[in-house]
Amino acid sequence: MSITVERADLVRVRLPLQHAFRTSSHTKQHLDHILVRLTAGGGAVGWGECASPSDPYYGPESVDTCWPMLRDRFVPLLLGAEWTTPDEATATGARIRGNEFARAAVDMACWDLWTRVSGTSLAVALGATQPTIEAGVSLGIEPTLDDLLDEVARHLDDGYRRIKLKIAPGWDVAAVRAVRDRFGDITLQVDANGVYQRADTPLLRELDEFDLAMIEQPFQPADLMAHAQLQALLRTPICLDESIDAAATVDTVLHLDAARVINVKVSRLGGLGPAKQVHDVCRSAGVPVWCGGMHEFGVGRAANVALGALPGFTLPSDVSGSDKYYLEDVVDPPIRATAGRVPVPYDRPGLGHDVVEDVVAKYTVAREVICAS
């Protein structure tokens, strides 16, 4: 089965958030993501999502850098090329360095297109085995501890089985202690997004007393030695997110014992294929992984659901129901969590969810069409 993409639509979509989300670097009231719609000969369509942040705080990419990379680089290389697997399609952009969020959008769209043409669910094509995935939620920095406790209570009442707290200097030990004191032995972890310095090691060691599932990305992504030195001092596992940019990096991390849990993100790794590679490396090494998220709209969230059902994903994911974040999402059926679990759509081709183009149009702020010459 060969496929040739003849047209690509780039659509910048802005969805307002249900609740402002604050991390160690910024506060978000809405999110802009780029949806990529690929049309092949015969009219088959596949969708991908570039879930890059609007600002270059999580990593070097942003919506404004991804748009021209998609328009001028990745999409022109793909258009008109004949391919038989998603990996072959993504290889058209292999000589481009970095730009993983933009790359991931094309990769995801090619997987969706390929599985729709073949009548196969994305979950089956990736090798998923789990009927549902356990969902956790990520909670931002709130104005007060009382506000944080209210948010935790609300999500526990909704059935979510793991709470992740964003932390930053001045919002760390006290916030964790307040949640632990109020809610007891819930599954609790923290995420620093690399904001701490080596000099903060004594403070980070204080977190060891709270029986956390993990401490995620305490130091800057490149500082693997700092993570290894901290891990040697802690009972709590360190999890790495921003540091993990390829399967080869995982080998280095495990050799250094710089982390004992790995966060796998489709966007950060450049697509479903590379994300599956990281899953496979970690599973072979006996290292637990979980599927992280970038507040994806329904397209990227559906891809995360399919990936998160692979057998090595044994920890709760960040793939919560989209209604936690958005009043209205771009896919049907909507992605929902019931009693803290999200069903995996094995009985529908592609992503298992259809894009509602009227909703996309309602929230579109920019659109560009590129056709094969």
Protein backbone atom coordinates (compact mmCIF):
# COMPACT_ATOMS: atom_id res chain seq x y z
CA MET A 1 0.00 0.00 0.00
CA SER A 2 1.70 3.17 -1.20
CA ILE A 3 0.53 6.64 -0.23
CA THR A 4 1.34 10.03 -1.74
CA VAL A 5 0.29 13.22 0.05
CA GLU A 6 -0.94 15.84 -2.39
CA ARG A 7 -2.10 18.60 -0.04
CA ALA A 8 -1.43 19.84 3.48
CA ASP A 9 -3.52 22.29 5.49
CA LEU A 10 -1.85 24.06 8.41
CA VAL A 11 -4.41 25.40 10.86
CA ARG A 12 -3.55 27.46 13.92
CA VAL A 13 -6.32 26.88 16.46
CA ARG A 14 -6.83 28.75 19.73
CA LEU A 15 -8.82 27.05 22.49
CA PRO A 16 -9.58 28.83 25.78
CA LEU A 17 -8.71 26.91 28.94
CA GLN A 18 -11.31 26.04 31.55
CA HIS A 19 -8.91 27.17 34.28
CA ALA A 20 -5.73 29.24 34.10
CA PHE A 21 -2.65 27.00 34.29
CA ARG A 22 0.55 28.29 35.88
CA THR A 23 3.94 26.56 35.77
CA SER A 24 7.35 27.65 37.03
CA SER A 25 7.83 29.79 33.90
CA HIS A 26 4.47 31.23 32.80
CA THR A 27 0.67 31.28 33.06
CA LYS A 28 -1.68 30.18 30.28
CA GLN A 29 -5.27 31.34 29.72
CA HIS A 30 -5.62 29.71 26.30
CA LEU A 31 -3.54 27.52 24.01
CA ASP A 32 -2.62 27.87 20.36
CA HIS A 33 -1.72 24.61 18.62
CA ILE A 34 -1.18 23.83 14.95
CA LEU A 35 -3.31 21.12 13.36
CA VAL A 36 -1.89 19.47 10.25
CA ARG A 37 -4.38 17.97 7.79
CA LEU A 38 -2.81 15.76 5.11
CA THR A 39 -4.79 14.73 2.02
CA ALA A 40 -3.57 11.85 -0.10
CA GLY A 41 -4.43 10.80 -3.61
CA GLY A 42 -7.95 9.41 -3.58
CA GLY A 43 -9.05 11.86 -0.88
CA ALA A 44 -7.96 10.01 2.27
CA VAL A 45 -7.19 12.39 5.15
CA GLY A 46 -4.96 12.19 8.22
CA TRP A 47 -4.62 14.67 11.10
CA GLY A 48 -1.68 15.56 13.32
CA GLU A 49 -1.13 18.13 16.05
CA CYS A 50 1.83 20.35 16.77
CA ALA A 51 1.39 20.89 20.52
CA SER A 52 4.27 23.28 20.95
CA PRO A 53 3.89 25.94 23.63
CA SER A 54 3.24 29.51 22.55
CA ASP A 55 6.50 30.60 24.15
CA PRO A 56 9.95 28.92 24.20
CA TYR A 57 9.98 28.11 27.93
CA TYR A 58 9.46 24.34 27.96
CA GLY A 59 11.95 23.98 25.10
CA PRO A 60 13.35 26.02 22.21
CA GLU A 61 10.31 25.59 19.94
CA SER A 62 7.14 27.68 19.93
CA VAL A 63 4.07 27.97 17.74
CA ASP A 64 5.73 30.84 15.87
CA THR A 65 8.84 28.78 15.07
CA CYS A 66 6.94 25.59 14.20
CA TRP A 67 4.66 27.23 11.64
CA PRO A 68 7.44 28.18 9.16
CA MET A 69 9.26 24.90 9.77
CA LEU A 70 6.14 23.01 8.80
CA ARG A 71 5.28 25.30 5.89
CA ASP A 72 8.76 25.70 4.42
CA ARG A 73 10.56 22.48 5.39
CA PHE A 74 8.72 19.41 6.60
CA VAL A 75 5.59 19.65 4.44
CA PRO A 76 7.32 20.43 1.10
CA LEU A 77 9.66 17.46 1.62
CA LEU A 78 6.69 15.16 2.21
CA LEU A 79 4.41 16.37 -0.59
CA GLY A 80 4.63 14.20 -3.68
CA ALA A 81 6.83 11.57 -2.01
CA GLU A 82 5.61 7.98 -2.24
CA TRP A 83 5.74 5.97 0.98
CA THR A 84 4.40 2.73 2.40
CA THR A 85 4.87 3.18 6.17
CA PRO A 86 4.73 6.19 8.51
CA ASP A 87 8.44 5.77 9.28
CA GLU A 88 9.21 6.12 5.56
CA ALA A 89 7.05 9.24 5.41
CA THR A 90 8.74 10.85 8.41
CA ALA A 91 12.16 9.99 6.96
CA THR A 92 11.58 12.61 4.25
CA GLY A 93 12.49 15.19 6.90
CA ALA A 94 15.30 13.20 8.52
CA ARG A 95 18.07 15.58 7.48
CA ILE A 96 16.43 18.43 9.42
CA ARG A 97 17.96 18.71 12.89
CA GLY A 98 15.82 19.28 15.96
CA ASN A 99 12.37 20.88 15.56
CA GLU A 100 10.76 17.83 17.14
CA PHE A 101 7.35 19.39 17.84
CA ALA A 102 6.92 20.31 14.19
CA ARG A 103 8.24 16.91 13.11
CA ALA A 104 5.83 15.15 15.47
CA ALA A 105 2.81 16.83 13.86
CA VAL A 106 3.69 15.46 10.43
CA ASP A 107 4.56 12.04 11.86
CA MET A 108 1.22 11.86 13.70
CA ALA A 109 -0.74 12.88 10.61
CA CYS A 110 1.03 10.22 8.55
CA TRP A 111 0.20 7.53 11.13
CA ASP A 112 -3.44 8.63 11.17
CA LEU A 113 -3.59 8.68 7.35
CA TRP A 114 -1.87 5.30 6.99
CA THR A 115 -4.08 3.55 9.53
CA ARG A 116 -7.26 5.06 8.09
CA VAL A 117 -6.32 3.91 4.58
CA SER A 118 -5.59 0.41 5.91
CA GLY A 119 -8.71 0.35 8.09
CA THR A 120 -6.63 -0.27 11.23
CA SER A 121 -6.77 1.49 14.57
CA LEU A 122 -3.67 3.44 15.54
CA ALA A 123 -3.57 1.54 18.83
CA VAL A 124 -3.35 -1.81 17.01
CA ALA A 125 -0.72 -0.50 14.58
CA LEU A 126 1.50 0.66 17.46
CA GLY A 127 1.17 -2.64 19.35
CA ALA A 128 -1.10 -1.48 22.16
CA THR A 129 -2.49 -4.13 24.51
CA GLN A 130 -4.36 -2.32 27.29
CA PRO A 131 -8.14 -1.77 26.98
CA THR A 132 -7.98 1.43 29.03
CA ILE A 133 -5.25 3.65 30.38
CA GLU A 134 -5.03 5.02 33.88
CA ALA A 135 -5.24 8.80 33.83
CA GLY A 136 -3.68 11.33 36.15
CA VAL A 137 -3.94 15.09 36.20
CA SER A 138 -1.32 17.83 36.26
CA LEU A 139 -2.19 20.80 38.45
CA GLY A 140 -0.57 24.18 38.10
CA ILE A 141 0.61 26.65 40.69
CA GLU A 142 -2.45 28.22 42.32
CA PRO A 143 -2.85 31.65 43.97
CA THR A 144 -3.17 30.07 47.44
CA LEU A 145 -2.79 26.69 49.12
CA ASP A 146 -6.54 26.63 49.71
CA ASP A 147 -7.10 27.01 45.97
CA LEU A 148 -4.70 24.13 45.35
CA LEU A 149 -6.47 21.89 47.85
CA ASP A 150 -9.80 22.68 46.21
CA GLU A 151 -8.40 21.68 42.82
CA VAL A 152 -6.97 18.43 44.17
CA ALA A 153 -10.28 17.57 45.84
CA ARG A 154 -12.23 18.27 42.67
CA HIS A 155 -10.10 15.97 40.55
CA LEU A 156 -10.01 13.20 43.11
CA ASP A 157 -13.81 13.39 43.22
CA ASP A 158 -13.78 13.00 39.43
CA GLY A 159 -11.97 9.69 39.84
CA TYR A 160 -8.41 10.61 38.84
CA ARG A 161 -5.93 8.30 40.52
CA ARG A 162 -2.75 10.34 40.41
CA ILE A 163 -2.10 14.00 41.16
CA LYS A 164 0.93 15.82 39.76
CA LEU A 165 1.80 19.21 41.24
CA LYS A 166 3.84 21.81 39.41
CA ILE A 167 6.47 23.19 41.78
CA ALA A 168 8.87 26.12 41.77
CA PRO A 169 11.00 27.93 44.35
CA GLY A 170 8.58 29.25 46.95
CA TRP A 171 5.88 26.75 45.92
CA ASP A 172 7.25 23.33 46.74
CA VAL A 173 7.62 21.78 50.21
CA ALA A 174 4.70 23.66 51.76
CA ALA A 175 2.41 22.83 48.85
CA VAL A 176 3.32 19.14 48.94
CA ARG A 177 2.92 18.99 52.72
CA ALA A 178 -0.52 20.62 52.53
CA VAL A 179 -1.74 18.10 49.94
CA ARG A 180 -0.28 15.13 51.79
CA ASP A 181 -1.72 16.26 55.13
CA ARG A 182 -5.17 16.81 53.63
CA PHE A 183 -5.47 13.78 51.33
CA GLY A 184 -3.28 11.13 52.91
CA ASP A 185 -1.74 8.38 50.81
CA ILE A 186 -2.94 9.40 47.33
CA THR A 187 -0.50 8.84 44.46
CA LEU A 188 1.33 12.15 44.34
CA GLN A 189 4.24 13.43 42.27
CA VAL A 190 5.82 16.79 41.49
CA ASP A 191 7.21 18.44 38.37
CA ALA A 192 9.73 21.28 38.43
CA ASN A 193 10.26 21.73 34.67
CA GLY A 194 13.99 22.17 35.28
CA VAL A 195 13.73 25.33 37.36
CA TYR A 196 15.98 24.39 40.32
CA GLN A 197 19.74 24.81 40.67
CA ARG A 198 22.30 22.44 42.20
CA ALA A 199 22.39 24.73 45.24
CA ASP A 200 18.74 23.78 45.85
CA THR A 201 19.66 20.15 46.56
CA PRO A 202 18.97 20.43 50.33
CA LEU A 203 15.47 21.71 49.63
CA LEU A 204 14.80 18.97 47.08
CA ARG A 205 15.94 16.39 49.61
CA GLU A 206 13.17 17.59 51.92
CA LEU A 207 10.67 16.23 49.39
CA ASP A 208 11.93 12.73 50.15
CA GLU A 209 9.82 12.64 53.30
CA PHE A 210 6.49 12.79 51.44
CA ASP A 211 6.51 9.35 49.78
CA LEU A 212 6.20 10.83 46.28
CA ALA A 213 5.83 8.62 43.23
CA MET A 214 8.58 10.70 41.59
CA ILE A 215 10.23 14.11 41.32
CA GLU A 216 10.14 15.15 37.69
CA GLN A 217 12.87 17.17 35.97
CA PRO A 218 14.29 19.13 38.92
CA PHE A 219 17.28 20.52 36.99
CA GLN A 220 17.98 21.85 33.50
CA PRO A 221 17.65 19.27 30.70
CA ALA A 222 21.36 19.04 29.84
CA ASP A 223 22.55 18.64 33.43
CA LEU A 224 22.37 14.86 33.68
CA MET A 225 25.18 14.74 36.25
CA ALA A 226 23.20 16.93 38.65
CA HIS A 227 20.27 14.55 38.33
CA ALA A 228 22.51 11.55 38.94
CA GLN A 229 24.02 13.16 42.04
CA LEU A 230 20.58 14.04 43.40
CA GLN A 231 19.20 10.57 42.67
CA ALA A 232 22.03 9.07 44.73
CA LEU A 233 20.77 11.07 47.71
CA LEU A 234 17.07 10.24 47.38
CA ARG A 235 14.76 7.32 47.96
CA THR A 236 12.22 9.00 45.67
CA PRO A 237 12.73 8.18 41.98
CA ILE A 238 13.72 11.02 39.70
CA CYS A 239 11.80 11.16 36.43
CA LEU A 240 13.22 12.90 33.38
CA ASP A 241 11.09 14.70 30.81
CA GLU A 242 12.78 17.58 28.98
CA SER A 243 16.13 15.76 29.14
CA ILE A 244 14.87 12.83 27.05
CA ASP A 245 15.16 13.81 23.39
CA ALA A 246 15.90 10.39 21.85
CA ALA A 247 16.25 6.70 22.66
CA ALA A 248 20.04 7.14 22.71
CA THR A 249 19.74 9.66 25.53
CA VAL A 250 17.88 7.07 27.58
CA ASP A 251 20.95 4.82 27.39
CA THR A 252 23.10 7.62 28.85
CA VAL A 253 20.57 8.42 31.57
CA LEU A 254 20.34 4.79 32.67
CA HIS A 255 24.11 4.38 32.62
CA LEU A 256 24.47 7.39 34.93
CA ASP A 257 21.47 6.38 37.08
CA ALA A 258 20.25 9.92 36.51
CA ALA A 259 16.61 8.81 36.57
CA ARG A 260 14.58 5.74 37.44
CA VAL A 261 11.40 6.74 35.61
CA ILE A 262 11.04 8.17 32.09
CA ASN A 263 8.32 10.48 30.78
CA VAL A 264 7.55 9.66 27.12
CA LYS A 265 6.06 12.50 25.08
CA VAL A 266 5.18 12.20 21.42
CA SER A 267 5.77 15.91 20.77
CA ARG A 268 9.11 16.17 22.52
CA LEU A 269 10.49 13.08 20.79
CA GLY A 270 9.41 13.97 17.27
CA GLY A 271 6.53 11.59 16.75
CA LEU A 272 4.89 8.29 17.54
CA GLY A 273 7.69 6.23 16.01
CA PRO A 274 10.48 7.74 18.16
CA ALA A 275 8.22 7.65 21.24
CA LYS A 276 7.63 3.94 20.71
CA GLN A 277 11.40 3.46 20.44
CA VAL A 278 11.90 5.04 23.87
CA HIS A 279 9.13 2.85 25.27
CA ASP A 280 10.83 -0.24 23.84
CA VAL A 281 14.28 0.67 25.24
CA CYS A 282 12.87 1.32 28.70
CA ARG A 283 10.76 -1.83 28.69
CA SER A 284 13.80 -3.92 27.80
CA ALA A 285 15.72 -2.27 30.65
CA GLY A 286 12.88 -2.74 33.15
CA VAL A 287 12.47 1.02 33.59
CA PRO A 288 8.89 2.27 34.15
CA VAL A 289 7.51 4.84 31.72
CA TRP A 290 4.41 6.96 31.54
CA CYS A 291 2.85 9.04 28.79
CA GLY A 292 3.24 12.75 29.38
CA GLY A 293 1.20 15.45 27.73
CA MET A 294 1.39 19.02 26.44
CA HIS A 295 -2.27 19.95 27.03
CA GLU A 296 -3.04 18.52 23.61
CA PHE A 297 -6.30 19.10 21.81
CA GLY A 298 -8.23 15.99 20.86
CA VAL A 299 -5.97 15.04 17.95
CA GLY A 300 -2.76 14.85 19.97
CA ARG A 301 -4.63 13.50 22.99
CA ALA A 302 -6.00 10.61 20.90
CA ALA A 303 -2.47 9.78 19.75
CA ASN A 304 -1.34 9.77 23.39
CA VAL A 305 -4.15 7.39 24.31
CA ALA A 306 -3.05 4.92 21.62
CA LEU A 307 0.61 5.20 22.65
CA GLY A 308 -0.17 5.01 26.37
CA ALA A 309 -1.84 1.62 25.87
CA LEU A 310 1.47 -0.04 24.95
CA PRO A 311 2.46 -2.72 27.49
CA GLY A 312 5.41 -0.83 29.00
CA PHE A 313 3.26 2.07 30.22
CA THR A 314 2.63 0.93 33.76
CA LEU A 315 2.25 4.32 35.52
CA PRO A 316 -0.70 6.74 35.28
CA SER A 317 -0.45 9.01 32.27
CA ASP A 318 -1.15 12.71 31.77
CA VAL A 319 -3.89 11.77 29.29
CA SER A 320 -6.88 13.02 31.24
CA GLY A 321 -10.23 13.78 29.65
CA SER A 322 -10.12 16.85 27.41
CA ASP A 323 -13.05 18.36 29.35
CA LYS A 324 -10.61 18.93 32.23
CA TYR A 325 -8.93 21.59 30.10
CA TYR A 326 -11.36 22.72 27.37
CA LEU A 327 -15.02 23.69 27.18
CA GLU A 328 -15.08 22.45 23.59
CA ASP A 329 -12.63 20.14 21.85
CA VAL A 330 -12.01 19.46 18.17
CA VAL A 331 -12.77 15.70 18.00
CA ASP A 332 -15.78 13.43 18.17
CA PRO A 333 -16.35 11.31 20.14
CA PRO A 334 -14.78 13.42 22.89
CA ILE A 335 -11.99 11.94 24.98
CA ARG A 336 -13.29 11.31 28.47
CA ALA A 337 -12.04 9.65 31.63
CA THR A 338 -14.44 7.49 33.63
CA ALA A 339 -13.41 6.62 37.18
CA GLY A 340 -9.90 7.74 36.27
CA ARG A 341 -9.54 5.59 33.14
CA VAL A 342 -9.66 6.48 29.44
CA PRO A 343 -10.88 3.84 26.94
CA VAL A 344 -8.66 2.91 24.00
CA PRO A 345 -10.56 2.92 20.66
CA TYR A 346 -9.51 -0.36 19.03
CA ASP A 347 -12.67 -0.60 16.92
CA ARG A 348 -12.23 2.61 14.90
CA PRO A 349 -9.58 3.31 12.23
CA GLY A 350 -6.83 5.85 12.67
CA LEU A 351 -6.84 7.94 15.82
CA GLY A 352 -10.26 6.55 16.68
CA HIS A 353 -11.73 10.06 16.84
CA ASP A 354 -12.92 12.24 13.98
CA VAL A 355 -11.97 15.89 13.70
CA VAL A 356 -15.02 18.19 13.75
CA GLU A 357 -14.06 20.69 11.10
CA ASP A 358 -16.80 23.16 12.08
CA VAL A 359 -15.30 23.39 15.56
CA VAL A 360 -11.81 23.78 14.10
CA ALA A 361 -13.07 26.61 11.89
CA LYS A 362 -14.72 28.31 14.88
CA TYR A 363 -11.41 28.61 16.71
CA THR A 364 -9.03 29.06 13.75
CA VAL A 365 -6.78 32.12 13.87
CA ALA A 366 -4.61 31.29 10.81
CA ARG A 367 -4.69 28.80 7.96
CA GLU A 368 -2.42 27.99 5.03
CA VAL A 369 -2.77 25.41 2.26
CA ILE A 370 0.24 23.85 0.55
CA CYS A 371 -0.18 21.65 -2.51
CA ALA A 372 2.22 19.38 -4.37
CA SER A 373 3.60 21.09 -7.47
